[in-house]
Amino acid sequence: MARDGRSSFASRVFELGRQVSEKVDIEKARAEAVDDLLGYSPETIECALAKVAMEEVNARILSASVQMQSGELEGAITEFLAAFDIYESQPVLQSREFCTKHSNVGAACLGGIGLAWRIIGSLEFALKFFRAAVSEQERVFGDALEREHLEAIVLYKKNIGEILEELGETDNAQLEYQECLSSTVGGDKRDASDLVDTGGLRVKLGDLDGALKAFMEALAICESENRDQDLQAAQIHLEVARVLEQKGDFAGSLQSFEKALTIKRILYGEEHSEVATIYIDIGSLQESHDRHDDALASFGKSLDVMEAPKYADYPQLACAVAHKRIGFLLEKQGDLEAAAKSFAIASSINQKLGRISIDGDGVGSSDVPTACALEQSRPPCTHYERNCTMIAPCCGAAFGCRICHDECPNLPPKMELQSACYKES
């Protein structure tokens, strides 16, 4: 019910944003402001016009956000650029005082453009705009950077580091992560989210002990706030499990996966894709430690969840992954006939999902979705008339808009899981 409530609220917010972006008449507002201020000092008029300009910037950012969420990325970039042009034309909007009181909308626009280009796949453009966002944030606030200003810089730099990794520039990516870490470490007001960010950065830097310490501190905060059974606690347990797995602590990793599983079963119920995802995580851990029978049982539990009747009309990547891993295990055990059946089922699911394989096995690491199949497989959108298709960056599934994504009862596993499972094979 909570999920439905959030989705309904999101629908209202984005519909309001669309109406605002379409109906706001900035020229009329500017003219009325000038008429109302006749006889006032030039400074007062300039300040009033700056506020009108800020309204226009906010309307365009809101419009860009709506378009981002509905998959209209080029339109979002156009709106962000228009908002930034207005920002640049108004010196008052660029002042430290104004940005402290309101926000640095210039940096926000540049960061939004960077994100749009990253989703599109133009990494060089994305890198350029994220770096520009960092520079703008530092230019405005200089040595007066507060917590919220640093958080924005860390967000931009994390994107820069991840893009550099994708481009193969590992050393430069490490430098960006180190700078992020320098900005997040310390301070008296660190909350669980800060510590999770710190842990994630330390993982990227290869500091597993430091990462584990940060995640455990985050869990302690959740427990002290009586939030040890909420979604954030579950996600932290997953992070701990993955770090312990990298450290070779099978028992500790398994225990943390099971804690996350228990919380998500309480929050979502047994028949939920995120529950199935953790069963796959557990199965992969067991498989990597040659506990093949246990792994088969865990992958089987994942299939029990994802092959429930409510998922019958929605082929799930988790099912393909589980069948594929089962096939490899059965192959190792010498049951070639059963293995072939599992591989065939995995291939069939991938075909339903519109995935083609460059290496010819139908389920290999080079599987890619075909645009036509994605377009045809997505559910119809009842929220917008544009008839666009967006690819959700979190799970890779196709939807008509962000609201369709949020209201989907059975989302595929996160892209991190998909990538990890394919790398294993």
Protein backbone atom coordinates (compact mmCIF):
# COMPACT_ATOMS: atom_id res chain seq x y z
CA MET A 1 0.00 0.00 0.00
CA ALA A 2 2.84 2.37 0.77
CA ARG A 3 4.25 1.85 -2.69
CA ASP A 4 0.88 2.58 -4.29
CA GLY A 5 0.58 5.73 -2.18
CA ARG A 6 3.99 6.95 -3.30
CA SER A 7 3.19 6.22 -6.92
CA SER A 8 -0.12 8.09 -6.68
CA PHE A 9 1.60 11.04 -5.07
CA ALA A 10 4.32 10.97 -7.75
CA SER A 11 1.64 11.01 -10.44
CA ARG A 12 0.08 14.14 -8.97
CA VAL A 13 3.44 15.86 -8.59
CA PHE A 14 4.53 15.21 -12.16
CA GLU A 15 1.15 16.20 -13.56
CA LEU A 16 1.37 19.45 -11.60
CA GLY A 17 4.88 19.97 -12.98
CA ARG A 18 3.65 19.49 -16.52
CA GLN A 19 0.85 22.01 -16.01
CA VAL A 20 3.18 24.57 -14.46
CA SER A 21 5.74 24.23 -17.23
CA GLU A 22 3.05 24.64 -19.90
CA LYS A 23 0.99 27.44 -18.36
CA VAL A 24 3.48 29.78 -16.68
CA ASP A 25 3.62 33.07 -18.63
CA ILE A 26 7.03 34.51 -17.79
CA GLU A 27 6.80 37.51 -20.12
CA LYS A 28 3.53 38.58 -18.52
CA ALA A 29 4.98 38.11 -15.04
CA ARG A 30 8.04 40.18 -15.95
CA ALA A 31 5.91 43.01 -17.39
CA GLU A 32 3.67 43.05 -14.31
CA ALA A 33 6.71 43.20 -12.05
CA VAL A 34 8.11 46.21 -13.91
CA ASP A 35 4.71 47.98 -13.83
CA ASP A 36 4.39 47.38 -10.10
CA LEU A 37 7.88 48.73 -9.40
CA LEU A 38 7.78 51.97 -11.40
CA GLY A 39 9.42 54.67 -9.30
CA TYR A 40 11.50 52.26 -7.25
CA SER A 41 15.31 52.22 -7.31
CA PRO A 42 17.12 50.33 -10.09
CA GLU A 43 18.50 47.92 -7.46
CA THR A 44 15.00 47.04 -6.26
CA ILE A 45 13.78 46.52 -9.82
CA GLU A 46 16.82 44.36 -10.59
CA CYS A 47 16.15 42.21 -7.54
CA ALA A 48 12.47 41.81 -8.44
CA LEU A 49 13.30 40.85 -12.03
CA ALA A 50 15.86 38.36 -10.72
CA LYS A 51 13.10 36.70 -8.72
CA VAL A 52 10.93 36.55 -11.84
CA ALA A 53 13.87 35.03 -13.71
CA MET A 54 14.25 32.51 -10.90
CA GLU A 55 10.61 31.52 -11.38
CA GLU A 56 11.28 30.93 -15.06
CA VAL A 57 14.39 28.90 -14.24
CA ASN A 58 12.43 26.79 -11.74
CA ALA A 59 9.61 26.24 -14.25
CA ARG A 60 12.10 25.06 -16.89
CA ILE A 61 13.92 22.81 -14.41
CA LEU A 62 10.58 21.34 -13.39
CA SER A 63 9.70 20.79 -17.04
CA ALA A 64 13.10 19.19 -17.65
CA SER A 65 12.61 16.89 -14.66
CA VAL A 66 9.21 15.79 -15.95
CA GLN A 67 10.70 15.06 -19.37
CA MET A 68 13.62 13.17 -17.83
CA GLN A 69 11.25 10.95 -15.91
CA SER A 70 9.10 10.30 -18.97
CA GLY A 71 12.13 9.41 -21.09
CA GLU A 72 12.23 12.55 -23.24
CA LEU A 73 15.92 13.12 -22.65
CA GLU A 74 16.65 15.48 -25.54
CA GLY A 75 13.73 17.69 -24.50
CA ALA A 76 15.07 17.67 -20.94
CA ILE A 77 18.50 18.79 -22.15
CA THR A 78 16.89 21.65 -24.10
CA GLU A 79 14.99 22.81 -21.00
CA PHE A 80 18.06 22.58 -18.76
CA LEU A 81 20.10 24.58 -21.29
CA ALA A 82 17.40 27.24 -21.51
CA ALA A 83 17.30 27.47 -17.71
CA PHE A 84 21.09 27.80 -17.56
CA ASP A 85 21.05 30.58 -20.18
CA ILE A 86 18.63 32.54 -17.98
CA TYR A 87 20.84 31.89 -14.96
CA GLU A 88 23.89 33.18 -16.81
CA SER A 89 22.05 36.32 -17.93
CA GLN A 90 21.18 37.33 -14.36
CA PRO A 91 24.23 38.22 -12.20
CA VAL A 92 22.02 38.26 -9.10
CA LEU A 93 21.18 34.56 -9.57
CA GLN A 94 24.89 33.74 -9.65
CA SER A 95 25.76 35.52 -6.42
CA ARG A 96 26.77 33.54 -3.35
CA GLU A 97 24.09 35.25 -1.27
CA PHE A 98 21.28 34.36 -3.67
CA CYS A 99 22.50 30.75 -4.15
CA THR A 100 22.85 30.27 -0.40
CA LYS A 101 19.31 31.47 0.20
CA HIS A 102 17.75 29.58 -2.70
CA SER A 103 20.05 27.10 -4.46
CA ASN A 104 22.75 27.00 -7.11
CA VAL A 105 20.41 26.34 -10.01
CA GLY A 106 23.26 26.80 -12.49
CA ALA A 107 25.15 23.81 -11.15
CA ALA A 108 21.88 21.85 -10.90
CA CYS A 109 21.15 22.50 -14.59
CA LEU A 110 24.64 21.40 -15.63
CA GLY A 111 24.37 18.28 -13.49
CA GLY A 112 20.94 17.50 -14.98
CA ILE A 113 22.36 17.79 -18.49
CA GLY A 114 25.23 15.51 -17.52
CA LEU A 115 22.81 12.89 -16.20
CA ALA A 116 20.69 13.05 -19.36
CA TRP A 117 23.74 12.57 -21.59
CA ARG A 118 24.89 9.68 -19.40
CA ILE A 119 21.55 7.90 -19.75
CA ILE A 120 21.64 8.50 -23.51
CA GLY A 121 25.12 6.97 -23.56
CA SER A 122 27.18 9.99 -24.66
CA LEU A 123 29.77 9.63 -21.91
CA GLU A 124 32.14 12.35 -23.14
CA PHE A 125 29.34 14.93 -23.11
CA ALA A 126 28.19 13.69 -19.70
CA LEU A 127 31.73 14.04 -18.34
CA LYS A 128 31.99 17.59 -19.65
CA PHE A 129 28.77 18.74 -17.98
CA PHE A 130 29.38 17.00 -14.64
CA ARG A 131 32.79 18.67 -14.47
CA ALA A 132 31.18 22.00 -15.34
CA ALA A 133 28.67 21.46 -12.51
CA VAL A 134 31.50 20.91 -10.03
CA SER A 135 33.30 24.04 -11.26
CA GLU A 136 30.14 26.15 -10.99
CA GLN A 137 29.43 24.93 -7.46
CA GLU A 138 33.00 25.70 -6.39
CA ARG A 139 33.00 29.09 -8.16
CA VAL A 140 29.86 30.28 -6.39
CA PHE A 141 30.64 29.09 -2.88
CA GLY A 142 34.43 29.08 -2.88
CA ASP A 143 35.76 28.42 0.62
CA ALA A 144 32.26 28.80 2.12
CA LEU A 145 31.08 25.33 1.08
CA GLU A 146 28.52 23.97 3.51
CA ARG A 147 27.35 20.37 3.95
CA GLU A 148 24.62 20.56 1.30
CA HIS A 149 27.00 22.17 -1.20
CA LEU A 150 29.58 19.41 -0.65
CA GLU A 151 26.89 16.77 -1.08
CA ALA A 152 26.14 18.11 -4.55
CA ILE A 153 29.84 18.11 -5.47
CA VAL A 154 30.25 14.55 -4.21
CA LEU A 155 27.26 13.47 -6.32
CA TYR A 156 28.75 15.06 -9.45
CA LYS A 157 32.21 13.62 -8.77
CA LYS A 158 30.84 10.12 -8.18
CA ASN A 159 29.24 10.31 -11.61
CA ILE A 160 32.55 11.52 -13.05
CA GLY A 161 34.38 8.60 -11.44
CA GLU A 162 31.88 6.05 -12.72
CA ILE A 163 32.04 7.47 -16.24
CA LEU A 164 35.85 7.40 -16.18
CA GLU A 165 35.66 3.74 -15.13
CA GLU A 166 33.36 3.02 -18.07
CA LEU A 167 35.87 4.78 -20.34
CA GLY A 168 38.69 2.63 -18.99
CA GLU A 169 40.43 5.47 -17.10
CA THR A 170 40.69 3.56 -13.83
CA ASP A 171 43.46 5.66 -12.25
CA ASN A 172 41.61 8.93 -12.88
CA ALA A 173 38.39 7.38 -11.58
CA GLN A 174 40.21 6.43 -8.36
CA LEU A 175 41.34 10.04 -7.93
CA GLU A 176 37.74 11.25 -8.24
CA TYR A 177 36.55 8.71 -5.67
CA GLN A 178 39.35 9.76 -3.32
CA GLU A 179 38.26 13.40 -3.61
CA CYS A 180 34.67 12.34 -2.90
CA LEU A 181 35.86 10.49 0.17
CA SER A 182 37.75 13.55 1.41
CA SER A 183 34.52 15.54 1.17
CA THR A 184 32.34 12.97 2.96
CA VAL A 185 34.64 11.90 5.82
CA GLY A 186 34.37 13.81 9.08
CA GLY A 187 31.80 16.09 10.62
CA ASP A 188 29.51 15.69 13.60
CA LYS A 189 26.25 15.25 11.68
CA ARG A 190 27.00 12.13 9.65
CA ASP A 191 23.93 9.99 9.27
CA ALA A 192 23.45 6.47 7.96
CA SER A 193 23.23 7.68 4.36
CA ASP A 194 26.56 9.53 4.68
CA LEU A 195 28.21 6.38 6.00
CA VAL A 196 26.71 4.26 3.22
CA ASP A 197 28.13 6.72 0.68
CA THR A 198 31.51 6.53 2.41
CA GLY A 199 31.39 2.74 2.38
CA GLY A 200 30.52 2.66 -1.31
CA LEU A 201 33.44 4.96 -2.12
CA ARG A 202 35.85 2.83 -0.09
CA VAL A 203 34.68 -0.26 -2.00
CA LYS A 204 35.48 1.53 -5.26
CA LEU A 205 38.92 2.38 -3.86
CA GLY A 206 39.53 -1.22 -2.80
CA ASP A 207 39.51 -0.41 0.92
CA LEU A 208 37.26 -3.27 2.02
CA ASP A 209 38.04 -2.94 5.72
CA GLY A 210 37.20 0.78 5.67
CA ALA A 211 34.03 0.04 3.71
CA LEU A 212 32.94 -2.63 6.19
CA LYS A 213 33.54 -0.25 9.10
CA ALA A 214 31.42 2.45 7.48
CA PHE A 215 28.56 0.05 6.70
CA MET A 216 28.58 -1.37 10.23
CA GLU A 217 28.45 2.16 11.68
CA ALA A 218 25.49 2.88 9.41
CA LEU A 219 23.72 -0.25 10.68
CA ALA A 220 24.39 0.84 14.27
CA ILE A 221 22.69 4.17 13.54
CA CYS A 222 19.68 2.39 12.04
CA GLU A 223 19.42 0.21 15.14
CA SER A 224 19.73 3.21 17.48
CA GLU A 225 16.86 4.87 15.59
CA ASN A 226 14.75 1.68 15.70
CA ARG A 227 15.05 1.35 11.94
CA ASP A 228 16.82 -2.01 11.87
CA GLN A 229 13.92 -3.53 9.89
CA ASP A 230 13.48 -0.82 7.25
CA LEU A 231 14.56 -0.77 3.61
CA GLN A 232 17.78 1.15 4.23
CA ALA A 233 18.88 -1.43 6.80
CA ALA A 234 18.19 -4.20 4.26
CA GLN A 235 20.28 -2.42 1.63
CA ILE A 236 23.15 -1.96 4.09
CA HIS A 237 23.07 -5.67 4.95
CA LEU A 238 23.40 -6.37 1.22
CA GLU A 239 26.42 -4.05 1.01
CA VAL A 240 27.99 -5.80 4.00
CA ALA A 241 27.33 -9.20 2.41
CA ARG A 242 29.07 -8.19 -0.81
CA VAL A 243 32.10 -6.78 1.01
CA LEU A 244 32.40 -9.94 3.13
CA GLU A 245 32.08 -12.04 -0.02
CA GLN A 246 35.00 -10.14 -1.55
CA LYS A 247 36.98 -10.73 1.65
CA GLY A 248 36.31 -14.47 1.40
CA ASP A 249 34.10 -14.64 4.52
CA PHE A 250 31.47 -17.07 3.28
CA ALA A 251 29.63 -17.51 6.60
CA GLY A 252 29.50 -13.77 7.32
CA SER A 253 28.37 -12.95 3.79
CA LEU A 254 25.64 -15.59 3.87
CA GLN A 255 24.42 -14.33 7.24
CA SER A 256 24.17 -10.74 5.94
CA PHE A 257 22.34 -11.84 2.79
CA GLU A 258 19.87 -13.75 4.97
CA LYS A 259 19.29 -10.70 7.19
CA ALA A 260 18.52 -8.60 4.10
CA LEU A 261 16.25 -11.38 2.83
CA THR A 262 14.31 -11.49 6.12
CA ILE A 263 13.70 -7.72 6.08
CA LYS A 264 12.60 -7.65 2.44
CA ARG A 265 10.24 -10.58 2.95
CA ILE A 266 8.65 -8.63 5.82
CA LEU A 267 8.42 -5.43 3.77
CA TYR A 268 7.37 -6.89 0.40
CA GLY A 269 6.06 -10.38 1.07
CA GLU A 270 7.45 -13.59 -0.36
CA GLU A 271 6.38 -13.08 -3.99
CA HIS A 272 8.44 -10.03 -4.93
CA SER A 273 11.25 -9.58 -7.44
CA GLU A 274 13.62 -8.12 -4.81
CA VAL A 275 13.19 -11.27 -2.72
CA ALA A 276 14.01 -13.36 -5.80
CA THR A 277 17.07 -11.19 -6.43
CA ILE A 278 18.50 -11.96 -2.98
CA TYR A 279 17.93 -15.69 -3.49
CA ILE A 280 20.03 -15.35 -6.66
CA ASP A 281 22.72 -13.47 -4.69
CA ILE A 282 22.76 -16.28 -2.13
CA GLY A 283 22.86 -18.95 -4.83
CA SER A 284 25.77 -17.22 -6.57
CA LEU A 285 27.67 -17.05 -3.27
CA GLN A 286 27.06 -20.74 -2.63
CA GLU A 287 28.03 -21.65 -6.18
CA SER A 288 31.31 -19.73 -5.88
CA HIS A 289 32.18 -21.83 -2.81
CA ASP A 290 31.30 -25.12 -4.55
CA ARG A 291 28.15 -25.67 -2.48
CA HIS A 292 26.30 -26.75 -5.57
CA ASP A 293 23.30 -28.45 -3.95
CA ASP A 294 22.66 -25.40 -1.76
CA ALA A 295 23.05 -23.14 -4.78
CA LEU A 296 20.55 -25.18 -6.78
CA ALA A 297 18.08 -24.87 -3.89
CA SER A 298 18.55 -21.08 -3.70
CA PHE A 299 18.14 -20.60 -7.45
CA GLY A 300 15.06 -22.81 -7.24
CA LYS A 301 13.59 -20.55 -4.54
CA SER A 302 14.16 -17.57 -6.81
CA LEU A 303 12.19 -19.34 -9.54
CA ASP A 304 9.40 -20.17 -7.06
CA VAL A 305 9.00 -16.43 -6.50
CA MET A 306 9.31 -15.26 -10.10
CA GLU A 307 7.17 -18.01 -11.61
CA ALA A 308 4.20 -17.15 -9.37
CA PRO A 309 0.91 -16.59 -11.25
CA LYS A 310 1.01 -12.80 -10.86
CA TYR A 311 4.19 -12.72 -12.99
CA ALA A 312 2.81 -14.96 -15.74
CA ASP A 313 2.42 -12.14 -18.27
CA TYR A 314 5.75 -10.51 -17.43
CA PRO A 315 8.86 -12.46 -18.44
CA GLN A 316 11.56 -11.67 -15.88
CA LEU A 317 15.30 -11.45 -16.35
CA ALA A 318 15.70 -12.98 -12.87
CA CYS A 319 14.12 -16.17 -14.21
CA ALA A 320 16.55 -16.28 -17.12
CA VAL A 321 19.50 -15.72 -14.78
CA ALA A 322 18.34 -18.44 -12.36
CA HIS A 323 17.70 -20.98 -15.13
CA LYS A 324 21.08 -20.21 -16.65
CA ARG A 325 22.93 -20.70 -13.35
CA ILE A 326 20.98 -23.92 -12.74
CA GLY A 327 22.01 -25.09 -16.19
CA PHE A 328 25.69 -24.53 -15.44
CA LEU A 329 25.42 -26.36 -12.11
CA LEU A 330 23.61 -29.32 -13.67
CA GLU A 331 26.23 -29.40 -16.41
CA LYS A 332 28.98 -29.60 -13.77
CA GLN A 333 27.11 -32.47 -12.13
CA GLY A 334 26.93 -34.34 -15.43
CA ASP A 335 23.16 -34.05 -15.94
CA LEU A 336 23.47 -32.73 -19.49
CA GLU A 337 19.85 -33.32 -20.46
CA ALA A 338 18.46 -31.31 -17.53
CA ALA A 339 21.13 -28.63 -18.12
CA ALA A 340 20.07 -28.29 -21.75
CA LYS A 341 16.45 -27.80 -20.66
CA SER A 342 17.46 -25.02 -18.26
CA PHE A 343 19.53 -23.28 -20.93
CA ALA A 344 16.60 -23.55 -23.36
CA ILE A 345 14.21 -21.96 -20.84
CA ALA A 346 16.70 -19.14 -20.19
CA SER A 347 17.07 -18.53 -23.92
CA SER A 348 13.28 -18.49 -24.38
CA ILE A 349 12.85 -15.89 -21.63
CA ASN A 350 15.57 -13.72 -23.14
CA GLN A 351 13.83 -13.87 -26.49
CA LYS A 352 10.55 -12.79 -24.89
CA LEU A 353 12.39 -9.90 -23.30
CA GLY A 354 13.66 -8.92 -26.74
CA ARG A 355 17.29 -9.80 -26.13
CA ILE A 356 19.63 -10.97 -28.88
CA SER A 357 23.01 -12.60 -28.40
CA ILE A 358 26.07 -11.63 -30.40
CA ASP A 359 27.88 -14.82 -29.40
CA GLY A 360 24.98 -17.01 -30.47
CA ASP A 361 24.04 -18.85 -27.27
CA GLY A 362 20.96 -16.75 -26.57
CA VAL A 363 21.90 -16.01 -22.95
CA GLY A 364 25.53 -14.92 -23.08
CA SER A 365 27.22 -11.88 -21.59
CA SER A 366 26.73 -10.01 -24.86
CA ASP A 367 22.94 -10.09 -24.66
CA VAL A 368 21.48 -6.73 -25.71
CA PRO A 369 17.84 -5.63 -25.96
CA THR A 370 16.50 -4.81 -29.43
CA ALA A 371 14.83 -1.42 -29.67
CA CYS A 372 11.86 -2.74 -31.62
CA ALA A 373 11.20 -5.55 -29.14
CA LEU A 374 11.47 -3.19 -26.19
CA GLU A 375 9.02 -0.80 -27.84
CA GLN A 376 6.53 -3.58 -28.47
CA SER A 377 6.89 -5.27 -25.08
CA ARG A 378 6.33 -2.29 -22.78
CA PRO A 379 2.91 -1.85 -21.13
CA PRO A 380 0.69 0.93 -22.56
CA CYS A 381 1.10 4.34 -20.91
CA THR A 382 -2.06 5.96 -19.53
CA HIS A 383 -0.33 9.04 -18.11
CA TYR A 384 0.90 10.88 -21.24
CA GLU A 385 -0.25 11.18 -24.84
CA ARG A 386 3.26 11.47 -26.29
CA ASN A 387 3.60 7.68 -26.85
CA CYS A 388 7.30 7.74 -25.95
CA THR A 389 9.33 4.84 -24.62
CA MET A 390 11.89 5.23 -21.84
CA ILE A 391 14.46 2.69 -20.69
CA ALA A 392 14.66 2.74 -16.90
CA PRO A 393 18.35 3.21 -15.97
CA CYS A 394 17.87 1.20 -12.74
CA CYS A 395 16.61 -2.06 -14.26
CA GLY A 396 16.81 -1.69 -18.06
CA ALA A 397 13.08 -2.33 -18.61
CA ALA A 398 10.97 -0.34 -21.08
CA PHE A 399 8.07 1.86 -19.96
CA GLY A 400 5.96 4.69 -21.33
CA CYS A 401 7.00 7.04 -18.50
CA ARG A 402 8.43 7.12 -14.99
CA ILE A 403 5.00 6.72 -13.42
CA CYS A 404 4.45 3.48 -15.34
CA HIS A 405 7.78 2.29 -13.92
CA ASP A 406 6.85 3.23 -10.35
CA GLU A 407 3.45 1.58 -10.59
CA CYS A 408 4.78 -1.69 -12.07
CA PRO A 409 4.18 -4.45 -9.48
CA ASN A 410 7.06 -6.65 -10.65
CA LEU A 411 10.17 -4.71 -11.62
CA PRO A 412 13.15 -6.66 -12.97
CA PRO A 413 16.28 -6.95 -10.82
CA LYS A 414 18.57 -3.91 -10.62
CA MET A 415 21.16 -3.54 -13.39
CA GLU A 416 23.94 -4.27 -10.86
CA LEU A 417 22.57 -7.79 -10.43
CA GLN A 418 22.21 -8.32 -14.16
CA SER A 419 25.80 -7.18 -14.76
CA ALA A 420 27.17 -9.35 -11.96
CA CYS A 421 25.34 -12.45 -13.16
CA TYR A 422 26.49 -11.99 -16.74
CA LYS A 423 30.08 -11.38 -15.68
CA GLU A 424 30.05 -14.68 -13.80
CA SER A 425 29.13 -16.54 -16.94
